[in-house]
């Protein structure tokens, strides 16, 4: 935990698309009151005087993190002083999590379990695993009698790849997973994921690396992009975006569970961090139409969001809008309290969910995230 009087200093970069330049800053966070200050390194002057930024919290501060400050998407690239390095280096550790084909039917519950146990989801992507990817992932089991069945099973349906972060993340994820045999897990680790969601040693809901070295290797394997295939369909679909405030509040799993329980099929799922230009382009249809347009853009760039392709019948866009509910959560709580915005929204801007308004726009919105932006993520 951070002491109230702690001050953390990082090196940060922002890509200025107008000038095609990477601008470098010293980013300072004051734990006492949650304010931030920025110093322009090249021009040797204060860029931002100490001010409060609602969406930046101590748990967001780690090397590689992307944070949004006044519509600028900053990447923290290093520690700016020894105090910060001593306090924070080694505190957070990344690991890989895979929700296996059998676990996908309870994806929302598994994500909720992950979030409630203190893990930060840094990246997420639904994919189909290619045979070469499964063989590489389980290479150490290549001489075992179950290897072929394991490879075939992992390639049999879509999976969800997650990059998780927590203190001692690799060990913590192993402990939350429990023993590889769900029967053993039910006896010795009844609260573990495999005890709750696994069926047998092969179909045991989730995968996780067993060492820091393996975690790095497996994360690198999936970063390569050569071992997976996209699951997006772009047919009879609508777009759902879980907004940053809901992601940061740990509501991803609950929202996904509600979507699945309502009978909708999730065919694509990915975490994005949007630049202002991308958010403006995606929400362009509302410009000049809704007075809240600028606030909507600000919210969509305030942190990571989750884009989801929902597929079903030709009426899927209209059906899903019914589940999402009125744009104003207060109205929803009065008239339709079981809708998603009524349950998880705060106000008209932070209303938890964006969904496609017009059926004909469903494919366009899905393509924007998964075919255009997805190329860069």
Protein backbone atom coordinates (compact mmCIF):
# COMPACT_ATOMS: atom_id res chain seq x y z
CA UNK A 1 0.00 0.00 0.00
CA UNK A 2 1.10 3.58 -0.67
CA UNK A 3 1.72 5.90 2.26
CA UNK A 4 -0.39 9.10 2.11
CA UNK A 5 2.73 11.26 1.81
CA UNK A 6 4.33 9.17 -0.96
CA UNK A 7 5.21 10.82 -4.25
CA UNK A 8 5.89 8.67 -7.31
CA UNK A 9 7.80 9.89 -10.37
CA UNK A 10 7.78 8.19 -13.78
CA UNK A 11 9.09 8.82 -17.25
CA UNK A 12 6.15 9.02 -19.63
CA UNK A 13 5.61 9.25 -23.38
CA UNK A 14 2.75 10.60 -25.46
CA UNK A 15 2.46 10.23 -29.23
CA UNK A 16 1.41 13.56 -30.71
CA UNK A 17 -0.36 12.45 -33.89
CA UNK A 18 -0.64 16.01 -35.22
CA UNK A 19 3.13 16.51 -35.16
CA UNK A 20 4.02 12.81 -35.61
CA UNK A 21 6.29 13.09 -32.57
CA UNK A 22 6.75 11.17 -29.34
CA UNK A 23 6.75 13.74 -26.54
CA UNK A 24 8.49 12.84 -23.28
CA UNK A 25 7.52 13.95 -19.80
CA UNK A 26 8.27 13.43 -16.15
CA UNK A 27 5.00 12.35 -14.57
CA UNK A 28 4.59 12.91 -10.81
CA UNK A 29 1.76 11.45 -8.73
CA UNK A 30 1.02 12.70 -5.20
CA UNK A 31 -0.65 9.98 -3.10
CA UNK A 32 -1.70 12.52 -0.48
CA UNK A 33 -4.51 13.94 -2.61
CA UNK A 34 -4.33 12.03 -5.91
CA UNK A 35 -3.02 15.01 -7.85
CA UNK A 36 -0.56 14.83 -10.76
CA UNK A 37 2.09 17.11 -12.20
CA UNK A 38 3.93 16.88 -15.52
CA UNK A 39 7.24 18.30 -16.69
CA UNK A 40 8.18 18.60 -20.38
CA UNK A 41 11.66 17.04 -20.55
CA UNK A 42 12.72 18.40 -23.96
CA UNK A 43 11.57 21.98 -23.38
CA UNK A 44 12.56 21.93 -19.70
CA UNK A 45 9.39 23.49 -18.40
CA UNK A 46 6.28 22.58 -16.44
CA UNK A 47 3.67 21.12 -18.76
CA UNK A 48 0.90 20.59 -16.20
CA UNK A 49 0.72 22.21 -12.80
CA UNK A 50 -0.36 20.02 -9.91
CA UNK A 51 -4.01 19.13 -10.51
CA UNK A 52 -6.51 16.39 -9.72
CA UNK A 53 -7.16 13.67 -12.31
CA UNK A 54 -10.07 11.45 -11.27
CA UNK A 55 -9.18 8.38 -13.31
CA UNK A 56 -5.54 8.02 -12.14
CA UNK A 57 -4.98 5.96 -8.99
CA UNK A 58 -1.89 4.35 -7.38
CA UNK A 59 -2.79 0.89 -8.69
CA UNK A 60 -2.53 2.23 -12.25
CA UNK A 61 1.12 3.20 -11.80
CA UNK A 62 3.52 0.63 -13.20
CA UNK A 63 5.96 0.35 -16.10
CA UNK A 64 4.02 -0.19 -19.31
CA UNK A 65 0.76 1.21 -17.94
CA UNK A 66 -1.35 3.46 -20.15
CA UNK A 67 -3.13 6.31 -18.39
CA UNK A 68 -5.23 9.18 -19.66
CA UNK A 69 -4.45 12.74 -18.58
CA UNK A 70 -6.53 15.51 -20.12
CA UNK A 71 -7.25 13.41 -23.24
CA UNK A 72 -3.57 12.53 -23.66
CA UNK A 73 -2.85 8.83 -23.52
CA UNK A 74 0.45 8.48 -21.67
CA UNK A 75 2.57 5.35 -21.48
CA UNK A 76 4.73 5.03 -18.38
CA UNK A 77 8.13 3.92 -19.67
CA UNK A 78 10.40 4.02 -16.61
CA UNK A 79 10.99 5.25 -13.08
CA UNK A 80 12.15 8.87 -12.78
CA UNK A 81 13.79 8.52 -9.36
CA UNK A 82 15.19 5.87 -7.05
CA UNK A 83 12.47 6.31 -4.44
CA UNK A 84 9.79 5.28 -6.94
CA UNK A 85 11.90 2.37 -8.17
CA UNK A 86 12.50 1.13 -4.62
CA UNK A 87 8.83 1.40 -3.68
CA UNK A 88 7.24 -0.02 -6.81
CA UNK A 89 9.69 -2.25 -8.69
CA UNK A 90 8.84 -5.87 -8.10
CA UNK A 91 5.57 -4.97 -6.45
CA UNK A 92 3.54 -5.78 -9.55
CA UNK A 93 4.14 -8.86 -11.68
CA UNK A 94 2.47 -9.88 -14.94
CA UNK A 95 1.24 -13.33 -15.81
CA UNK A 96 -0.82 -15.03 -18.49
CA UNK A 97 -4.29 -16.44 -17.95
CA UNK A 98 -6.26 -18.45 -20.48
CA UNK A 99 -9.92 -19.28 -20.07
CA UNK A 100 -10.12 -22.63 -21.85
CA UNK A 101 -12.96 -23.74 -24.17
CA UNK A 102 -14.86 -25.43 -21.32
CA UNK A 103 -14.55 -22.32 -19.13
CA UNK A 104 -15.99 -19.99 -21.77
CA UNK A 105 -19.58 -20.85 -20.86
CA UNK A 106 -18.89 -19.28 -17.43
CA UNK A 107 -16.58 -16.53 -18.62
CA UNK A 108 -18.33 -13.80 -16.65
CA UNK A 109 -18.10 -15.67 -13.35
CA UNK A 110 -14.43 -16.46 -13.91
CA UNK A 111 -13.59 -12.84 -14.73
CA UNK A 112 -15.48 -11.70 -11.63
CA UNK A 113 -13.43 -14.15 -9.52
CA UNK A 114 -10.23 -12.76 -11.06
CA UNK A 115 -11.24 -9.15 -10.41
CA UNK A 116 -12.36 -9.80 -6.84
CA UNK A 117 -8.99 -11.38 -6.04
CA UNK A 118 -7.08 -8.19 -6.79
CA UNK A 119 -5.85 -8.81 -10.33
CA UNK A 120 -5.70 -5.98 -12.85
CA UNK A 121 -6.61 -7.02 -16.39
CA UNK A 122 -3.98 -5.35 -18.60
CA UNK A 123 -4.97 -7.01 -21.86
CA UNK A 124 -7.75 -9.31 -23.04
CA UNK A 125 -8.53 -10.93 -26.37
CA UNK A 126 -10.85 -13.72 -27.51
CA UNK A 127 -9.19 -15.95 -30.13
CA UNK A 128 -9.07 -19.40 -31.69
CA UNK A 129 -5.77 -21.09 -30.91
CA UNK A 130 -3.93 -22.60 -33.88
CA UNK A 131 -2.41 -26.07 -33.59
CA UNK A 132 1.15 -24.73 -33.65
CA UNK A 133 0.26 -22.37 -30.80
CA UNK A 134 -1.20 -25.11 -28.63
CA UNK A 135 1.81 -27.35 -29.32
CA UNK A 136 4.21 -24.56 -28.36
CA UNK A 137 2.20 -23.64 -25.25
CA UNK A 138 2.24 -27.20 -23.95
CA UNK A 139 5.63 -28.19 -25.34
CA UNK A 140 6.83 -29.51 -21.96
CA UNK A 141 3.99 -32.06 -22.06
CA UNK A 142 4.84 -33.26 -25.58
CA UNK A 143 5.91 -36.73 -24.43
CA UNK A 144 2.91 -37.36 -22.22
CA UNK A 145 0.03 -39.61 -23.33
CA UNK A 146 -2.50 -36.75 -23.01
CA UNK A 147 -0.60 -34.24 -25.19
CA UNK A 148 -2.54 -34.83 -28.43
CA UNK A 149 -5.88 -34.65 -26.64
CA UNK A 150 -4.83 -31.45 -24.88
CA UNK A 151 -3.75 -29.77 -28.13
CA UNK A 152 -6.96 -30.86 -29.88
CA UNK A 153 -9.11 -29.61 -27.00
CA UNK A 154 -7.41 -26.20 -26.82
CA UNK A 155 -7.99 -25.72 -30.57
CA UNK A 156 -11.59 -26.95 -30.50
CA UNK A 157 -13.29 -23.63 -29.70
CA UNK A 158 -12.60 -20.02 -28.80
CA UNK A 159 -10.58 -19.10 -25.72
CA UNK A 160 -9.94 -15.87 -23.83
CA UNK A 161 -6.34 -14.74 -23.34
CA UNK A 162 -5.76 -12.39 -20.41
CA UNK A 163 -2.68 -10.53 -19.26
CA UNK A 164 -3.04 -10.17 -15.51
CA UNK A 165 -1.07 -8.09 -13.03
CA UNK A 166 -0.86 -8.32 -9.25
CA UNK A 167 1.72 -8.40 -6.50
CA UNK A 168 3.56 -11.72 -6.95
CA UNK A 169 1.18 -12.24 -9.85
CA UNK A 170 2.48 -15.60 -11.10
CA UNK A 171 2.27 -17.32 -7.74
CA UNK A 172 -1.00 -15.61 -6.86
CA UNK A 173 -2.62 -16.80 -10.11
CA UNK A 174 -1.40 -20.35 -9.52
CA UNK A 175 -2.94 -20.28 -6.05
CA UNK A 176 -6.24 -18.96 -7.35
CA UNK A 177 -6.28 -21.63 -10.07
CA UNK A 178 -5.74 -24.48 -7.60
CA UNK A 179 -4.52 -28.01 -8.43
CA UNK A 180 -4.76 -29.04 -12.10
CA UNK A 181 -7.16 -31.87 -11.19
CA UNK A 182 -10.53 -30.29 -10.22
CA UNK A 183 -11.32 -33.31 -8.03
CA UNK A 184 -8.20 -32.63 -5.98
CA UNK A 185 -8.94 -28.90 -6.02
CA UNK A 186 -12.40 -29.49 -4.53
CA UNK A 187 -10.75 -31.25 -1.57
CA UNK A 188 -7.69 -29.08 -0.97
CA UNK A 189 -8.64 -25.68 -2.50
CA UNK A 190 -12.42 -25.47 -2.59
CA UNK A 191 -12.43 -21.74 -3.35
CA UNK A 192 -10.12 -22.07 -6.35
CA UNK A 193 -11.19 -21.55 -9.96
CA UNK A 194 -10.66 -25.17 -10.95
CA UNK A 195 -12.66 -26.41 -7.96
CA UNK A 196 -15.55 -24.13 -8.90
CA UNK A 197 -15.49 -24.32 -12.69
CA UNK A 198 -13.35 -27.31 -13.77
CA UNK A 199 -14.65 -30.71 -14.83
CA UNK A 200 -11.58 -32.93 -15.22
CA UNK A 201 -7.78 -32.64 -15.60
CA UNK A 202 -8.16 -31.85 -19.32
CA UNK A 203 -11.20 -29.59 -19.02
CA UNK A 204 -10.14 -27.64 -15.93
CA UNK A 205 -11.44 -24.18 -16.93
CA UNK A 206 -8.21 -22.13 -17.00
CA UNK A 207 -4.49 -22.22 -17.72
CA UNK A 208 -1.65 -20.38 -16.03
CA UNK A 209 2.18 -20.52 -16.23
CA UNK A 210 3.96 -22.09 -13.27
CA UNK A 211 6.97 -19.74 -13.09
CA UNK A 212 8.01 -16.16 -13.83
CA UNK A 213 10.12 -17.39 -16.75
CA UNK A 214 7.22 -19.36 -18.23
CA UNK A 215 4.94 -16.35 -17.80
CA UNK A 216 7.28 -14.17 -19.86
CA UNK A 217 7.63 -16.84 -22.55
CA UNK A 218 3.88 -17.44 -22.81
CA UNK A 219 3.05 -13.75 -22.91
CA UNK A 220 5.62 -13.33 -25.69
CA UNK A 221 4.11 -16.29 -27.55
CA UNK A 222 0.71 -14.65 -27.78
CA UNK A 223 2.15 -11.19 -28.46
CA UNK A 224 3.63 -12.59 -31.68
CA UNK A 225 0.16 -12.92 -33.25
CA UNK A 226 1.18 -16.00 -35.27
CA UNK A 227 -0.49 -18.62 -33.10
CA UNK A 228 -4.08 -17.39 -32.97
CA UNK A 229 -6.99 -16.53 -35.26
CA UNK A 230 -9.67 -13.86 -34.86
CA UNK A 231 -13.15 -14.93 -33.77
CA UNK A 232 -14.99 -11.85 -35.08
CA UNK A 233 -17.87 -12.66 -37.47
CA UNK A 234 -19.20 -9.29 -38.70
CA UNK A 235 -22.56 -10.87 -39.56
CA UNK A 236 -25.89 -10.54 -37.72
CA UNK A 237 -24.01 -8.62 -35.05
CA UNK A 238 -24.10 -5.58 -32.82
CA UNK A 239 -21.39 -3.78 -30.88
CA UNK A 240 -21.15 -3.47 -27.13
CA UNK A 241 -18.50 -1.37 -25.36
CA UNK A 242 -18.00 -1.61 -21.61
CA UNK A 243 -16.94 1.92 -20.71
CA UNK A 244 -13.77 2.79 -18.77
CA UNK A 245 -15.49 3.71 -15.49
CA UNK A 246 -17.14 0.27 -15.39
CA UNK A 247 -13.87 -1.49 -16.28
CA UNK A 248 -11.97 0.38 -13.55
CA UNK A 249 -14.73 -0.43 -11.04
CA UNK A 250 -14.24 -4.18 -11.64
CA UNK A 251 -17.63 -4.72 -13.28
CA UNK A 252 -16.51 -6.58 -16.43
CA UNK A 253 -17.41 -10.03 -15.14
CA UNK A 254 -20.82 -9.03 -13.79
CA UNK A 255 -21.79 -7.34 -17.05
CA UNK A 256 -20.61 -10.32 -19.12
CA UNK A 257 -22.59 -12.70 -16.89
CA UNK A 258 -25.74 -10.64 -17.40
CA UNK A 259 -25.23 -10.59 -21.18
CA UNK A 260 -24.73 -14.36 -21.28
CA UNK A 261 -27.66 -15.04 -18.95
CA UNK A 262 -29.91 -13.05 -21.29
CA UNK A 263 -29.09 -15.53 -24.06
CA UNK A 264 -26.74 -13.43 -26.19
CA UNK A 265 -23.67 -14.93 -27.87
CA UNK A 266 -20.32 -13.18 -27.38
CA UNK A 267 -18.28 -13.89 -30.52
CA UNK A 268 -15.43 -11.39 -30.06
CA UNK A 269 -13.97 -9.62 -27.03
CA UNK A 270 -10.95 -7.35 -26.69
CA UNK A 271 -9.56 -4.69 -24.35
CA UNK A 272 -8.69 -1.34 -25.96
CA UNK A 273 -7.23 1.95 -24.74
CA UNK A 274 -8.51 4.62 -27.11
CA UNK A 275 -6.71 7.77 -28.18
CA UNK A 276 -8.92 10.87 -28.41
CA UNK A 277 -8.85 10.80 -32.22
CA UNK A 278 -10.17 7.22 -32.25
CA UNK A 279 -12.92 7.98 -29.74
CA UNK A 280 -13.98 11.05 -31.74
CA UNK A 281 -14.11 9.01 -34.92
CA UNK A 282 -16.11 6.20 -33.31
CA UNK A 283 -18.63 8.62 -31.75
CA UNK A 284 -18.74 11.00 -34.73
CA UNK A 285 -22.41 10.22 -35.42
CA UNK A 286 -23.29 11.97 -32.15
CA UNK A 287 -21.31 15.16 -32.89
CA UNK A 288 -23.66 18.09 -33.22
CA UNK A 289 -26.56 15.87 -32.20
CA UNK A 290 -25.90 15.32 -28.51
CA UNK A 291 -24.74 18.16 -26.29
CA UNK A 292 -22.81 15.60 -24.24
CA UNK A 293 -20.59 14.62 -27.20
CA UNK A 294 -17.34 16.01 -25.75
CA UNK A 295 -18.04 14.38 -22.38
CA UNK A 296 -18.76 11.08 -24.14
CA UNK A 297 -15.38 11.29 -25.88
CA UNK A 298 -13.65 12.11 -22.58
CA UNK A 299 -15.21 9.07 -20.89
CA UNK A 300 -14.27 6.69 -23.70
CA UNK A 301 -10.62 7.80 -23.39
CA UNK A 302 -10.55 7.84 -19.57
CA UNK A 303 -9.06 4.33 -19.33
CA UNK A 304 -9.32 0.87 -20.88
CA UNK A 305 -12.62 -0.23 -22.40
CA UNK A 306 -13.87 -3.64 -23.54
CA UNK A 307 -15.27 -4.00 -27.07
CA UNK A 308 -17.58 -6.97 -27.64
CA UNK A 309 -19.25 -8.39 -30.73
CA UNK A 310 -22.71 -9.76 -29.91
CA UNK A 311 -24.14 -12.12 -32.54
CA UNK A 312 -27.53 -13.72 -33.01
CA UNK A 313 -30.68 -13.27 -35.07
CA UNK A 314 -31.23 -10.44 -37.56
CA UNK A 315 -32.88 -8.48 -34.72
CA UNK A 316 -29.86 -8.78 -32.39
CA UNK A 317 -29.14 -5.02 -32.37
CA UNK A 318 -32.66 -4.15 -31.25
CA UNK A 319 -32.82 -7.05 -28.79
CA UNK A 320 -29.52 -6.06 -27.19
CA UNK A 321 -30.57 -2.42 -26.90
CA UNK A 322 -33.55 -3.63 -24.86
CA UNK A 323 -31.17 -5.34 -22.44
CA UNK A 324 -28.91 -2.27 -22.21
CA UNK A 325 -31.80 0.07 -21.41
CA UNK A 326 -32.25 3.88 -21.44
CA UNK A 327 -29.14 6.03 -21.88
CA UNK A 328 -29.86 7.75 -18.56
CA UNK A 329 -29.39 5.19 -15.75
CA UNK A 330 -31.65 7.18 -13.41
CA UNK A 331 -34.55 6.80 -15.82
CA UNK A 332 -33.63 3.14 -16.22
CA UNK A 333 -33.70 2.57 -12.46
CA UNK A 334 -37.21 4.01 -12.33
CA UNK A 335 -38.69 2.32 -15.39
CA UNK A 336 -36.49 -0.71 -16.22
CA UNK A 337 -34.37 -1.55 -13.17
CA UNK A 338 -33.05 -4.85 -14.54
CA UNK A 339 -31.34 -3.33 -17.58
CA UNK A 340 -27.54 -3.07 -17.71
CA UNK A 341 -27.33 0.71 -17.52
CA UNK A 342 -29.77 0.80 -14.62
CA UNK A 343 -27.65 -1.72 -12.70
CA UNK A 344 -24.15 -0.51 -13.52
CA UNK A 345 -24.42 3.08 -14.78
CA UNK A 346 -23.74 6.22 -12.77
CA UNK A 347 -25.11 8.99 -15.00
CA UNK A 348 -25.83 9.71 -18.66
CA UNK A 349 -22.11 9.87 -19.53
CA UNK A 350 -20.87 7.10 -17.26
CA UNK A 351 -23.71 4.77 -18.14
CA UNK A 352 -21.56 1.60 -18.24
CA UNK A 353 -22.40 0.48 -21.79
CA UNK A 354 -22.31 1.79 -25.32
CA UNK A 355 -24.42 -0.20 -27.75
CA UNK A 356 -25.19 0.20 -31.44
CA UNK A 357 -28.18 2.46 -32.03
CA UNK A 358 -29.13 1.44 -35.58
CA UNK A 359 -29.08 -2.19 -36.79
CA UNK A 360 -27.30 -1.18 -40.00
CA UNK A 361 -24.42 0.27 -37.95
CA UNK A 362 -23.68 -2.97 -36.07
CA UNK A 363 -21.21 -4.36 -38.58
CA UNK A 364 -19.54 -0.94 -39.03
CA UNK A 365 -18.95 -0.50 -35.29
CA UNK A 366 -17.68 -4.05 -34.87
CA UNK A 367 -15.34 -3.63 -37.84
CA UNK A 368 -14.03 -0.35 -36.44
CA UNK A 369 -12.84 -2.02 -33.25
CA UNK A 370 -11.84 -5.47 -34.47
CA UNK A 371 -10.70 -4.83 -38.05
CA UNK A 372 -9.31 -1.26 -37.83
CA UNK A 373 -8.24 -0.60 -34.25
CA UNK A 374 -7.55 -4.30 -33.65
CA UNK A 375 -4.64 -4.15 -36.08
CA UNK A 376 -2.81 -1.87 -33.66
CA UNK A 377 -3.56 -3.80 -30.47
